[in-house]
Amino acid sequence: MRLLIVEDEKRLALSLARGLTAEGYAVDVVHDGREGLHQASEGTYDLVILDIMLPGLNGYRVCAALRAAGHDVPILMLTAKDGEYDEAEGLDTGADDYLTKPFSYVVLVARVKALLRRRGQGAGASPVHVHGELKVDTAARRVFLGEDEIALTAKEFSVLEHLVLRAGEVVSKSEILEHVWDFAYDGDPNIVEVYVSTLRRKLRAGLIRTVRGAGYRLETSP
């Protein structure tokens, strides 16, 4: 499951990201409303945790814009405000739930799990992505090449999954680092090259293309 946190309080955002990553979620963080709208509009997230008081665009406008564009991703709104009017406004713009700061982390996780569970119950088949001979089941976390199942480590799967969700697009090394290793990762960025090389050996050499100076692209043609 992929979560997007849009929160301008950087310490809070970092704390939430670390906690939710430990819960097993893939977490991205942005600190600006406009960037949050851009990221969420890509449609690759299972849930958005959205602060109301944001620079650029406030959370109400981000939420309203997403709903107007037809995005049905669950949205959990966070605010330092308190009162019936604020809650009503948040829910009227299309938010699925509302949490007032300061809040218990345990309560936030419970709300997140409830929203994801509700979304899963309303969903159809497992999200299976097929690109030629490659089949990636992101729910069961299984990968097939033709008739053969390919065994991948958790990190290998996460790198491949990110490329699959952006199939045909160029994905930069920094995006993969932030998405798979955590946005605060400060190790060797060449670790991405190591994992891409391993995936090529396990799958097919030409499946993941290097776009010089830009990143990697998962080929979508058979």
C-alpha atoms as a PDB file:
ATOM      1  CA  MET A   1       0.000   0.000   0.000  1.00  0.00           C
ATOM      2  CA  ARG A   2       1.294   3.454  -0.933  1.00  0.00           C
ATOM      3  CA  LEU A   3       0.533   6.491   1.193  1.00  0.00           C
ATOM      4  CA  LEU A   4       1.117  10.166   0.481  1.00  0.00           C
ATOM      5  CA  ILE A   5       1.596  12.571   3.386  1.00  0.00           C
ATOM      6  CA  VAL A   6       1.028  16.260   2.573  1.00  0.00           C
ATOM      7  CA  GLU A   7       2.154  18.083   5.717  1.00  0.00           C
ATOM      8  CA  ASP A   8       4.240  21.262   6.049  1.00  0.00           C
ATOM      9  CA  GLU A   9       5.338  20.548   9.646  1.00  0.00           C
ATOM     10  CA  LYS A  10       8.460  18.664   8.649  1.00  0.00           C
ATOM     11  CA  ARG A  11       9.131  17.035  12.021  1.00  0.00           C
ATOM     12  CA  LEU A  12       5.580  15.718  12.197  1.00  0.00           C
ATOM     13  CA  ALA A  13       5.727  14.527   8.590  1.00  0.00           C
ATOM     14  CA  LEU A  14       9.012  12.714   9.218  1.00  0.00           C
ATOM     15  CA  SER A  15       7.650  11.109  12.375  1.00  0.00           C
ATOM     16  CA  LEU A  16       4.505   9.923  10.612  1.00  0.00           C
ATOM     17  CA  ALA A  17       6.476   8.637   7.624  1.00  0.00           C
ATOM     18  CA  ARG A  18       8.827   6.619   9.808  1.00  0.00           C
ATOM     19  CA  GLY A  19       5.990   5.154  11.826  1.00  0.00           C
ATOM     20  CA  LEU A  20       3.879   4.218   8.812  1.00  0.00           C
ATOM     21  CA  THR A  21       6.907   2.774   7.016  1.00  0.00           C
ATOM     22  CA  ALA A  22       7.469   0.571  10.061  1.00  0.00           C
ATOM     23  CA  GLU A  23       3.829  -0.532   9.707  1.00  0.00           C
ATOM     24  CA  GLY A  24       4.715  -1.853   6.239  1.00  0.00           C
ATOM     25  CA  TYR A  25       3.472   0.991   4.025  1.00  0.00           C
ATOM     26  CA  ALA A  26       5.405   2.722   1.252  1.00  0.00           C
ATOM     27  CA  VAL A  27       5.302   6.424   2.145  1.00  0.00           C
ATOM     28  CA  ASP A  28       5.999   9.593   0.183  1.00  0.00           C
ATOM     29  CA  VAL A  29       6.062  13.049   1.780  1.00  0.00           C
ATOM     30  CA  VAL A  30       5.577  16.540   0.357  1.00  0.00           C
ATOM     31  CA  HIS A  31       5.297  19.809   2.273  1.00  0.00           C
ATOM     32  CA  ASP A  32       3.343  22.023  -0.141  1.00  0.00           C
ATOM     33  CA  GLY A  33      -0.276  21.959  -1.277  1.00  0.00           C
ATOM     34  CA  ARG A  34       0.451  22.393  -4.976  1.00  0.00           C
ATOM     35  CA  GLU A  35       3.042  19.624  -4.951  1.00  0.00           C
ATOM     36  CA  GLY A  36       0.657  17.456  -2.959  1.00  0.00           C
ATOM     37  CA  LEU A  37      -2.055  17.938  -5.588  1.00  0.00           C
ATOM     38  CA  HIS A  38       0.418  17.098  -8.353  1.00  0.00           C
ATOM     39  CA  GLN A  39       1.622  13.947  -6.615  1.00  0.00           C
ATOM     40  CA  ALA A  40      -1.843  12.731  -5.653  1.00  0.00           C
ATOM     41  CA  SER A  41      -3.130  13.367  -9.188  1.00  0.00           C
ATOM     42  CA  GLU A  42      -0.767  10.710 -10.526  1.00  0.00           C
ATOM     43  CA  GLY A  43      -3.202   8.169  -9.109  1.00  0.00           C
ATOM     44  CA  THR A  44      -0.633   5.748  -7.673  1.00  0.00           C
ATOM     45  CA  TYR A  45      -1.586   6.170  -3.999  1.00  0.00           C
ATOM     46  CA  ASP A  46      -3.946   4.095  -1.884  1.00  0.00           C
ATOM     47  CA  LEU A  47      -4.498   6.879   0.666  1.00  0.00           C
ATOM     48  CA  VAL A  48      -3.597  10.547   1.194  1.00  0.00           C
ATOM     49  CA  ILE A  49      -2.981  12.081   4.622  1.00  0.00           C
ATOM     50  CA  LEU A  50      -3.651  15.767   3.980  1.00  0.00           C
ATOM     51  CA  ASP A  51      -3.042  18.708   6.302  1.00  0.00           C
ATOM     52  CA  ILE A  52      -5.423  21.649   5.922  1.00  0.00           C
ATOM     53  CA  MET A  53      -3.057  24.549   6.646  1.00  0.00           C
ATOM     54  CA  LEU A  54      -0.553  24.267   3.783  1.00  0.00           C
ATOM     55  CA  PRO A  55       1.496  26.724   1.698  1.00  0.00           C
ATOM     56  CA  GLY A  56       0.579  26.967  -1.965  1.00  0.00           C
ATOM     57  CA  LEU A  57      -2.902  25.464  -1.724  1.00  0.00           C
ATOM     58  CA  ASN A  58      -4.723  24.644   1.484  1.00  0.00           C
ATOM     59  CA  GLY A  59      -5.974  21.129   2.119  1.00  0.00           C
ATOM     60  CA  TYR A  60      -9.596  22.012   1.371  1.00  0.00           C
ATOM     61  CA  ARG A  61      -8.671  23.162  -2.143  1.00  0.00           C
ATOM     62  CA  VAL A  62      -6.388  20.175  -2.756  1.00  0.00           C
ATOM     63  CA  CYS A  63      -9.143  17.789  -1.713  1.00  0.00           C
ATOM     64  CA  ALA A  64     -11.788  19.570  -3.784  1.00  0.00           C
ATOM     65  CA  ALA A  65      -9.509  19.598  -6.854  1.00  0.00           C
ATOM     66  CA  LEU A  66      -8.824  15.872  -6.568  1.00  0.00           C
ATOM     67  CA  ARG A  67     -12.518  15.051  -6.288  1.00  0.00           C
ATOM     68  CA  ALA A  68     -13.409  17.384  -9.170  1.00  0.00           C
ATOM     69  CA  ALA A  69     -10.855  15.548 -11.324  1.00  0.00           C
ATOM     70  CA  GLY A  70     -12.486  12.210 -10.504  1.00  0.00           C
ATOM     71  CA  HIS A  71      -9.868  10.831  -8.092  1.00  0.00           C
ATOM     72  CA  ASP A  72     -11.480   8.603  -5.464  1.00  0.00           C
ATOM     73  CA  VAL A  73      -8.375   7.993  -3.322  1.00  0.00           C
ATOM     74  CA  PRO A  74      -9.278   7.974   0.404  1.00  0.00           C
ATOM     75  CA  ILE A  75      -8.290  11.255   2.085  1.00  0.00           C
ATOM     76  CA  LEU A  76      -7.649  11.641   5.812  1.00  0.00           C
ATOM     77  CA  MET A  77      -7.508  15.341   6.676  1.00  0.00           C
ATOM     78  CA  LEU A  78      -5.387  16.732   9.520  1.00  0.00           C
ATOM     79  CA  THR A  79      -5.850  20.131  11.105  1.00  0.00           C
ATOM     80  CA  ALA A  80      -4.880  22.118  14.166  1.00  0.00           C
ATOM     81  CA  LYS A  81      -8.329  23.698  14.041  1.00  0.00           C
ATOM     82  CA  ASP A  82     -11.237  22.348  16.041  1.00  0.00           C
ATOM     83  CA  GLY A  83     -14.922  22.884  15.545  1.00  0.00           C
ATOM     84  CA  GLU A  84     -17.968  21.609  13.713  1.00  0.00           C
ATOM     85  CA  TYR A  85     -17.650  24.141  10.882  1.00  0.00           C
ATOM     86  CA  ASP A  86     -14.123  23.057   9.956  1.00  0.00           C
ATOM     87  CA  GLU A  87     -15.066  19.394  10.046  1.00  0.00           C
ATOM     88  CA  ALA A  88     -18.118  20.006   7.894  1.00  0.00           C
ATOM     89  CA  GLU A  89     -16.100  21.970   5.359  1.00  0.00           C
ATOM     90  CA  GLY A  90     -13.464  19.248   5.177  1.00  0.00           C
ATOM     91  CA  LEU A  91     -16.008  16.498   4.638  1.00  0.00           C
ATOM     92  CA  ASP A  92     -17.997  18.623   2.171  1.00  0.00           C
ATOM     93  CA  THR A  93     -14.946  18.921  -0.076  1.00  0.00           C
ATOM     94  CA  GLY A  94     -14.754  15.126  -0.290  1.00  0.00           C
ATOM     95  CA  ALA A  95     -12.531  14.033   2.599  1.00  0.00           C
ATOM     96  CA  ASP A  96     -13.235  10.544   3.966  1.00  0.00           C
ATOM     97  CA  ASP A  97     -12.157  11.184   7.551  1.00  0.00           C
ATOM     98  CA  TYR A  98     -10.918  13.999   9.761  1.00  0.00           C
ATOM     99  CA  LEU A  99      -8.403  14.106  12.627  1.00  0.00           C
ATOM    100  CA  THR A 100      -7.691  17.114  14.844  1.00  0.00           C
ATOM    101  CA  LYS A 101      -4.168  17.843  16.126  1.00  0.00           C
ATOM    102  CA  PRO A 102      -2.787  16.891  18.531  1.00  0.00           C
ATOM    103  CA  PHE A 103      -3.797  13.297  17.876  1.00  0.00           C
ATOM    104  CA  SER A 104      -2.662   9.889  19.060  1.00  0.00           C
ATOM    105  CA  TYR A 105      -0.461   8.055  16.552  1.00  0.00           C
ATOM    106  CA  VAL A 106      -2.336   4.851  17.430  1.00  0.00           C
ATOM    107  CA  VAL A 107      -5.615   6.539  16.483  1.00  0.00           C
ATOM    108  CA  LEU A 108      -4.147   7.766  13.178  1.00  0.00           C
ATOM    109  CA  VAL A 109      -2.962   4.259  12.263  1.00  0.00           C
ATOM    110  CA  ALA A 110      -6.389   2.853  13.147  1.00  0.00           C
ATOM    111  CA  ARG A 111      -8.076   5.455  10.899  1.00  0.00           C
ATOM    112  CA  VAL A 112      -5.647   4.701   8.066  1.00  0.00           C
ATOM    113  CA  LYS A 113      -6.282   0.955   8.311  1.00  0.00           C
ATOM    114  CA  ALA A 114     -10.046   1.483   8.441  1.00  0.00           C
ATOM    115  CA  LEU A 115     -10.022   3.655   5.310  1.00  0.00           C
ATOM    116  CA  LEU A 116      -7.827   1.188   3.428  1.00  0.00           C
ATOM    117  CA  ARG A 117     -10.025  -1.702   4.524  1.00  0.00           C
ATOM    118  CA  ARG A 118     -13.114   0.141   3.320  1.00  0.00           C
ATOM    119  CA  ARG A 119     -11.453   0.869  -0.025  1.00  0.00           C
ATOM    120  CA  GLY A 120     -10.391  -2.774  -0.380  1.00  0.00           C
ATOM    121  CA  GLN A 121     -13.921  -3.997   0.237  1.00  0.00           C
ATOM    122  CA  GLY A 122     -15.173  -1.749  -2.543  1.00  0.00           C
ATOM    123  CA  ALA A 123     -12.463  -2.744  -4.987  1.00  0.00           C
ATOM    124  CA  GLY A 124     -12.653  -5.441  -7.606  1.00  0.00           C
ATOM    125  CA  ALA A 125      -9.917  -7.916  -8.474  1.00  0.00           C
ATOM    126  CA  SER A 126      -6.381  -7.752  -7.162  1.00  0.00           C
ATOM    127  CA  PRO A 127      -4.284  -5.065  -8.863  1.00  0.00           C
ATOM    128  CA  VAL A 128      -2.394  -7.151 -11.413  1.00  0.00           C
ATOM    129  CA  HIS A 129      -0.223  -5.274 -13.902  1.00  0.00           C
ATOM    130  CA  VAL A 130       0.657  -7.051 -17.151  1.00  0.00           C
ATOM    131  CA  HIS A 131       3.347  -5.813 -19.533  1.00  0.00           C
ATOM    132  CA  GLY A 132       4.108  -8.336 -22.225  1.00  0.00           C
ATOM    133  CA  GLU A 133       5.350 -11.479 -20.494  1.00  0.00           C
ATOM    134  CA  LEU A 134       5.750  -9.670 -17.178  1.00  0.00           C
ATOM    135  CA  LYS A 135       2.907  -9.923 -14.654  1.00  0.00           C
ATOM    136  CA  VAL A 136       3.132  -8.177 -11.285  1.00  0.00           C
ATOM    137  CA  ASP A 137       0.475  -8.775  -8.633  1.00  0.00           C
ATOM    138  CA  THR A 138       0.916  -5.884  -6.200  1.00  0.00           C
ATOM    139  CA  ALA A 139      -1.612  -7.321  -3.720  1.00  0.00           C
ATOM    140  CA  ALA A 140      -0.102 -10.807  -3.469  1.00  0.00           C
ATOM    141  CA  ARG A 141       3.414  -9.402  -4.120  1.00  0.00           C
ATOM    142  CA  ARG A 142       4.118 -12.057  -6.759  1.00  0.00           C
ATOM    143  CA  VAL A 143       5.964 -11.653 -10.053  1.00  0.00           C
ATOM    144  CA  PHE A 144       5.711 -13.863 -13.124  1.00  0.00           C
ATOM    145  CA  LEU A 145       7.696 -13.847 -16.354  1.00  0.00           C
ATOM    146  CA  GLY A 146       5.738 -15.947 -18.800  1.00  0.00           C
ATOM    147  CA  GLU A 147       4.745 -19.079 -16.882  1.00  0.00           C
ATOM    148  CA  ASP A 148       7.610 -18.818 -14.395  1.00  0.00           C
ATOM    149  CA  GLU A 149       7.278 -17.176 -10.987  1.00  0.00           C
ATOM    150  CA  ILE A 150      10.283 -14.998 -10.153  1.00  0.00           C
ATOM    151  CA  ALA A 151      11.416 -14.844  -6.533  1.00  0.00           C
ATOM    152  CA  LEU A 152      12.270 -11.306  -5.450  1.00  0.00           C
ATOM    153  CA  THR A 153      13.369  -9.827  -2.146  1.00  0.00           C
ATOM    154  CA  ALA A 154      11.141  -7.195  -0.522  1.00  0.00           C
ATOM    155  CA  LYS A 155      13.328  -4.324  -1.774  1.00  0.00           C
ATOM    156  CA  GLU A 156      13.623  -5.802  -5.277  1.00  0.00           C
ATOM    157  CA  PHE A 157       9.842  -6.079  -5.439  1.00  0.00           C
ATOM    158  CA  SER A 158       9.395  -2.500  -4.226  1.00  0.00           C
ATOM    159  CA  VAL A 159      11.751  -1.142  -6.896  1.00  0.00           C
ATOM    160  CA  LEU A 160       9.999  -3.148  -9.612  1.00  0.00           C
ATOM    161  CA  GLU A 161       6.557  -2.193  -8.314  1.00  0.00           C
ATOM    162  CA  HIS A 162       7.418   1.509  -8.489  1.00  0.00           C
ATOM    163  CA  LEU A 163       8.610   1.123 -12.081  1.00  0.00           C
ATOM    164  CA  VAL A 164       5.521  -0.918 -12.990  1.00  0.00           C
ATOM    165  CA  LEU A 165       3.161   1.715 -11.586  1.00  0.00           C
ATOM    166  CA  ARG A 166       4.945   4.276 -13.765  1.00  0.00           C
ATOM    167  CA  ALA A 167       5.374   1.951 -16.766  1.00  0.00           C
ATOM    168  CA  GLY A 168       6.443   3.781 -19.914  1.00  0.00           C
ATOM    169  CA  GLU A 169       7.586   6.826 -17.914  1.00  0.00           C
ATOM    170  CA  VAL A 170      11.120   7.767 -16.939  1.00  0.00           C
ATOM    171  CA  VAL A 171      11.584   7.398 -13.176  1.00  0.00           C
ATOM    172  CA  SER A 172      14.613   9.108 -11.659  1.00  0.00           C
ATOM    173  CA  LYS A 173      17.020   7.465  -9.259  1.00  0.00           C
ATOM    174  CA  SER A 174      16.071   9.998  -6.576  1.00  0.00           C
ATOM    175  CA  GLU A 175      12.356   9.145  -6.950  1.00  0.00           C
ATOM    176  CA  ILE A 176      13.092   5.453  -6.465  1.00  0.00           C
ATOM    177  CA  LEU A 177      15.276   6.218  -3.449  1.00  0.00           C
ATOM    178  CA  GLU A 178      12.581   8.350  -1.815  1.00  0.00           C
ATOM    179  CA  HIS A 179       9.813   5.885  -2.592  1.00  0.00           C
ATOM    180  CA  VAL A 180      11.548   2.620  -1.677  1.00  0.00           C
ATOM    181  CA  TRP A 181      14.208   3.542   0.866  1.00  0.00           C
ATOM    182  CA  ASP A 182      12.520   6.497   2.630  1.00  0.00           C
ATOM    183  CA  PHE A 183      12.755  10.171   1.755  1.00  0.00           C
ATOM    184  CA  ALA A 184      15.347  10.705   4.516  1.00  0.00           C
ATOM    185  CA  TYR A 185      17.736   7.998   3.194  1.00  0.00           C
ATOM    186  CA  ASP A 186      21.313   9.311   3.281  1.00  0.00           C
ATOM    187  CA  GLY A 187      23.260   6.233   2.122  1.00  0.00           C
ATOM    188  CA  ASP A 188      24.895   5.568  -1.237  1.00  0.00           C
ATOM    189  CA  PRO A 189      22.442   6.517  -4.043  1.00  0.00           C
ATOM    190  CA  ASN A 190      24.124   3.925  -6.279  1.00  0.00           C
ATOM    191  CA  ILE A 191      22.174   1.293  -4.353  1.00  0.00           C
ATOM    192  CA  VAL A 192      19.403   1.860  -6.927  1.00  0.00           C
ATOM    193  CA  GLU A 193      21.735   0.757  -9.742  1.00  0.00           C
ATOM    194  CA  VAL A 194      22.558  -2.407  -7.806  1.00  0.00           C
ATOM    195  CA  TYR A 195      18.887  -3.355  -7.459  1.00  0.00           C
ATOM    196  CA  VAL A 196      18.054  -2.499 -11.072  1.00  0.00           C
ATOM    197  CA  SER A 197      20.974  -4.667 -12.195  1.00  0.00           C
ATOM    198  CA  THR A 198      19.678  -7.548 -10.066  1.00  0.00           C
ATOM    199  CA  LEU A 199      16.174  -7.168 -11.498  1.00  0.00           C
ATOM    200  CA  ARG A 200      17.570  -7.288 -15.020  1.00  0.00           C
ATOM    201  CA  ARG A 201      19.362 -10.538 -14.239  1.00  0.00           C
ATOM    202  CA  LYS A 202      16.260 -12.093 -12.708  1.00  0.00           C
ATOM    203  CA  LEU A 203      13.839 -10.836 -15.350  1.00  0.00           C
ATOM    204  CA  ARG A 204      14.941  -9.825 -18.845  1.00  0.00           C
ATOM    205  CA  ALA A 205      17.834  -7.515 -19.685  1.00  0.00           C
ATOM    206  CA  GLY A 206      15.866  -5.185 -21.962  1.00  0.00           C
ATOM    207  CA  LEU A 207      12.833  -4.867 -19.714  1.00  0.00           C
ATOM    208  CA  ILE A 208      14.214  -1.963 -17.671  1.00  0.00           C
ATOM    209  CA  ARG A 209      15.884   0.658 -19.838  1.00  0.00           C
ATOM    210  CA  THR A 210      18.412   3.206 -18.599  1.00  0.00           C
ATOM    211  CA  VAL A 211      17.651   6.703 -19.866  1.00  0.00           C
ATOM    212  CA  ARG A 212      21.030   8.393 -19.626  1.00  0.00           C
ATOM    213  CA  GLY A 213      21.052  11.304 -17.210  1.00  0.00           C
ATOM    214  CA  ALA A 214      17.361  10.883 -16.378  1.00  0.00           C
ATOM    215  CA  GLY A 215      16.611   7.505 -14.776  1.00  0.00           C
ATOM    216  CA  TYR A 216      14.940   4.231 -15.701  1.00  0.00           C
ATOM    217  CA  ARG A 217      11.927   3.214 -17.777  1.00  0.00           C
ATOM    218  CA  LEU A 218       9.974  -0.027 -17.708  1.00  0.00           C
ATOM    219  CA  GLU A 219       9.255  -0.971 -21.305  1.00  0.00           C
ATOM    220  CA  THR A 220       5.570  -1.616 -21.988  1.00  0.00           C
ATOM    221  CA  SER A 221       5.812  -3.313 -25.390  1.00  0.00           C
ATOM    222  CA  PRO A 222       5.695  -7.148 -25.475  1.00  0.00           C
END
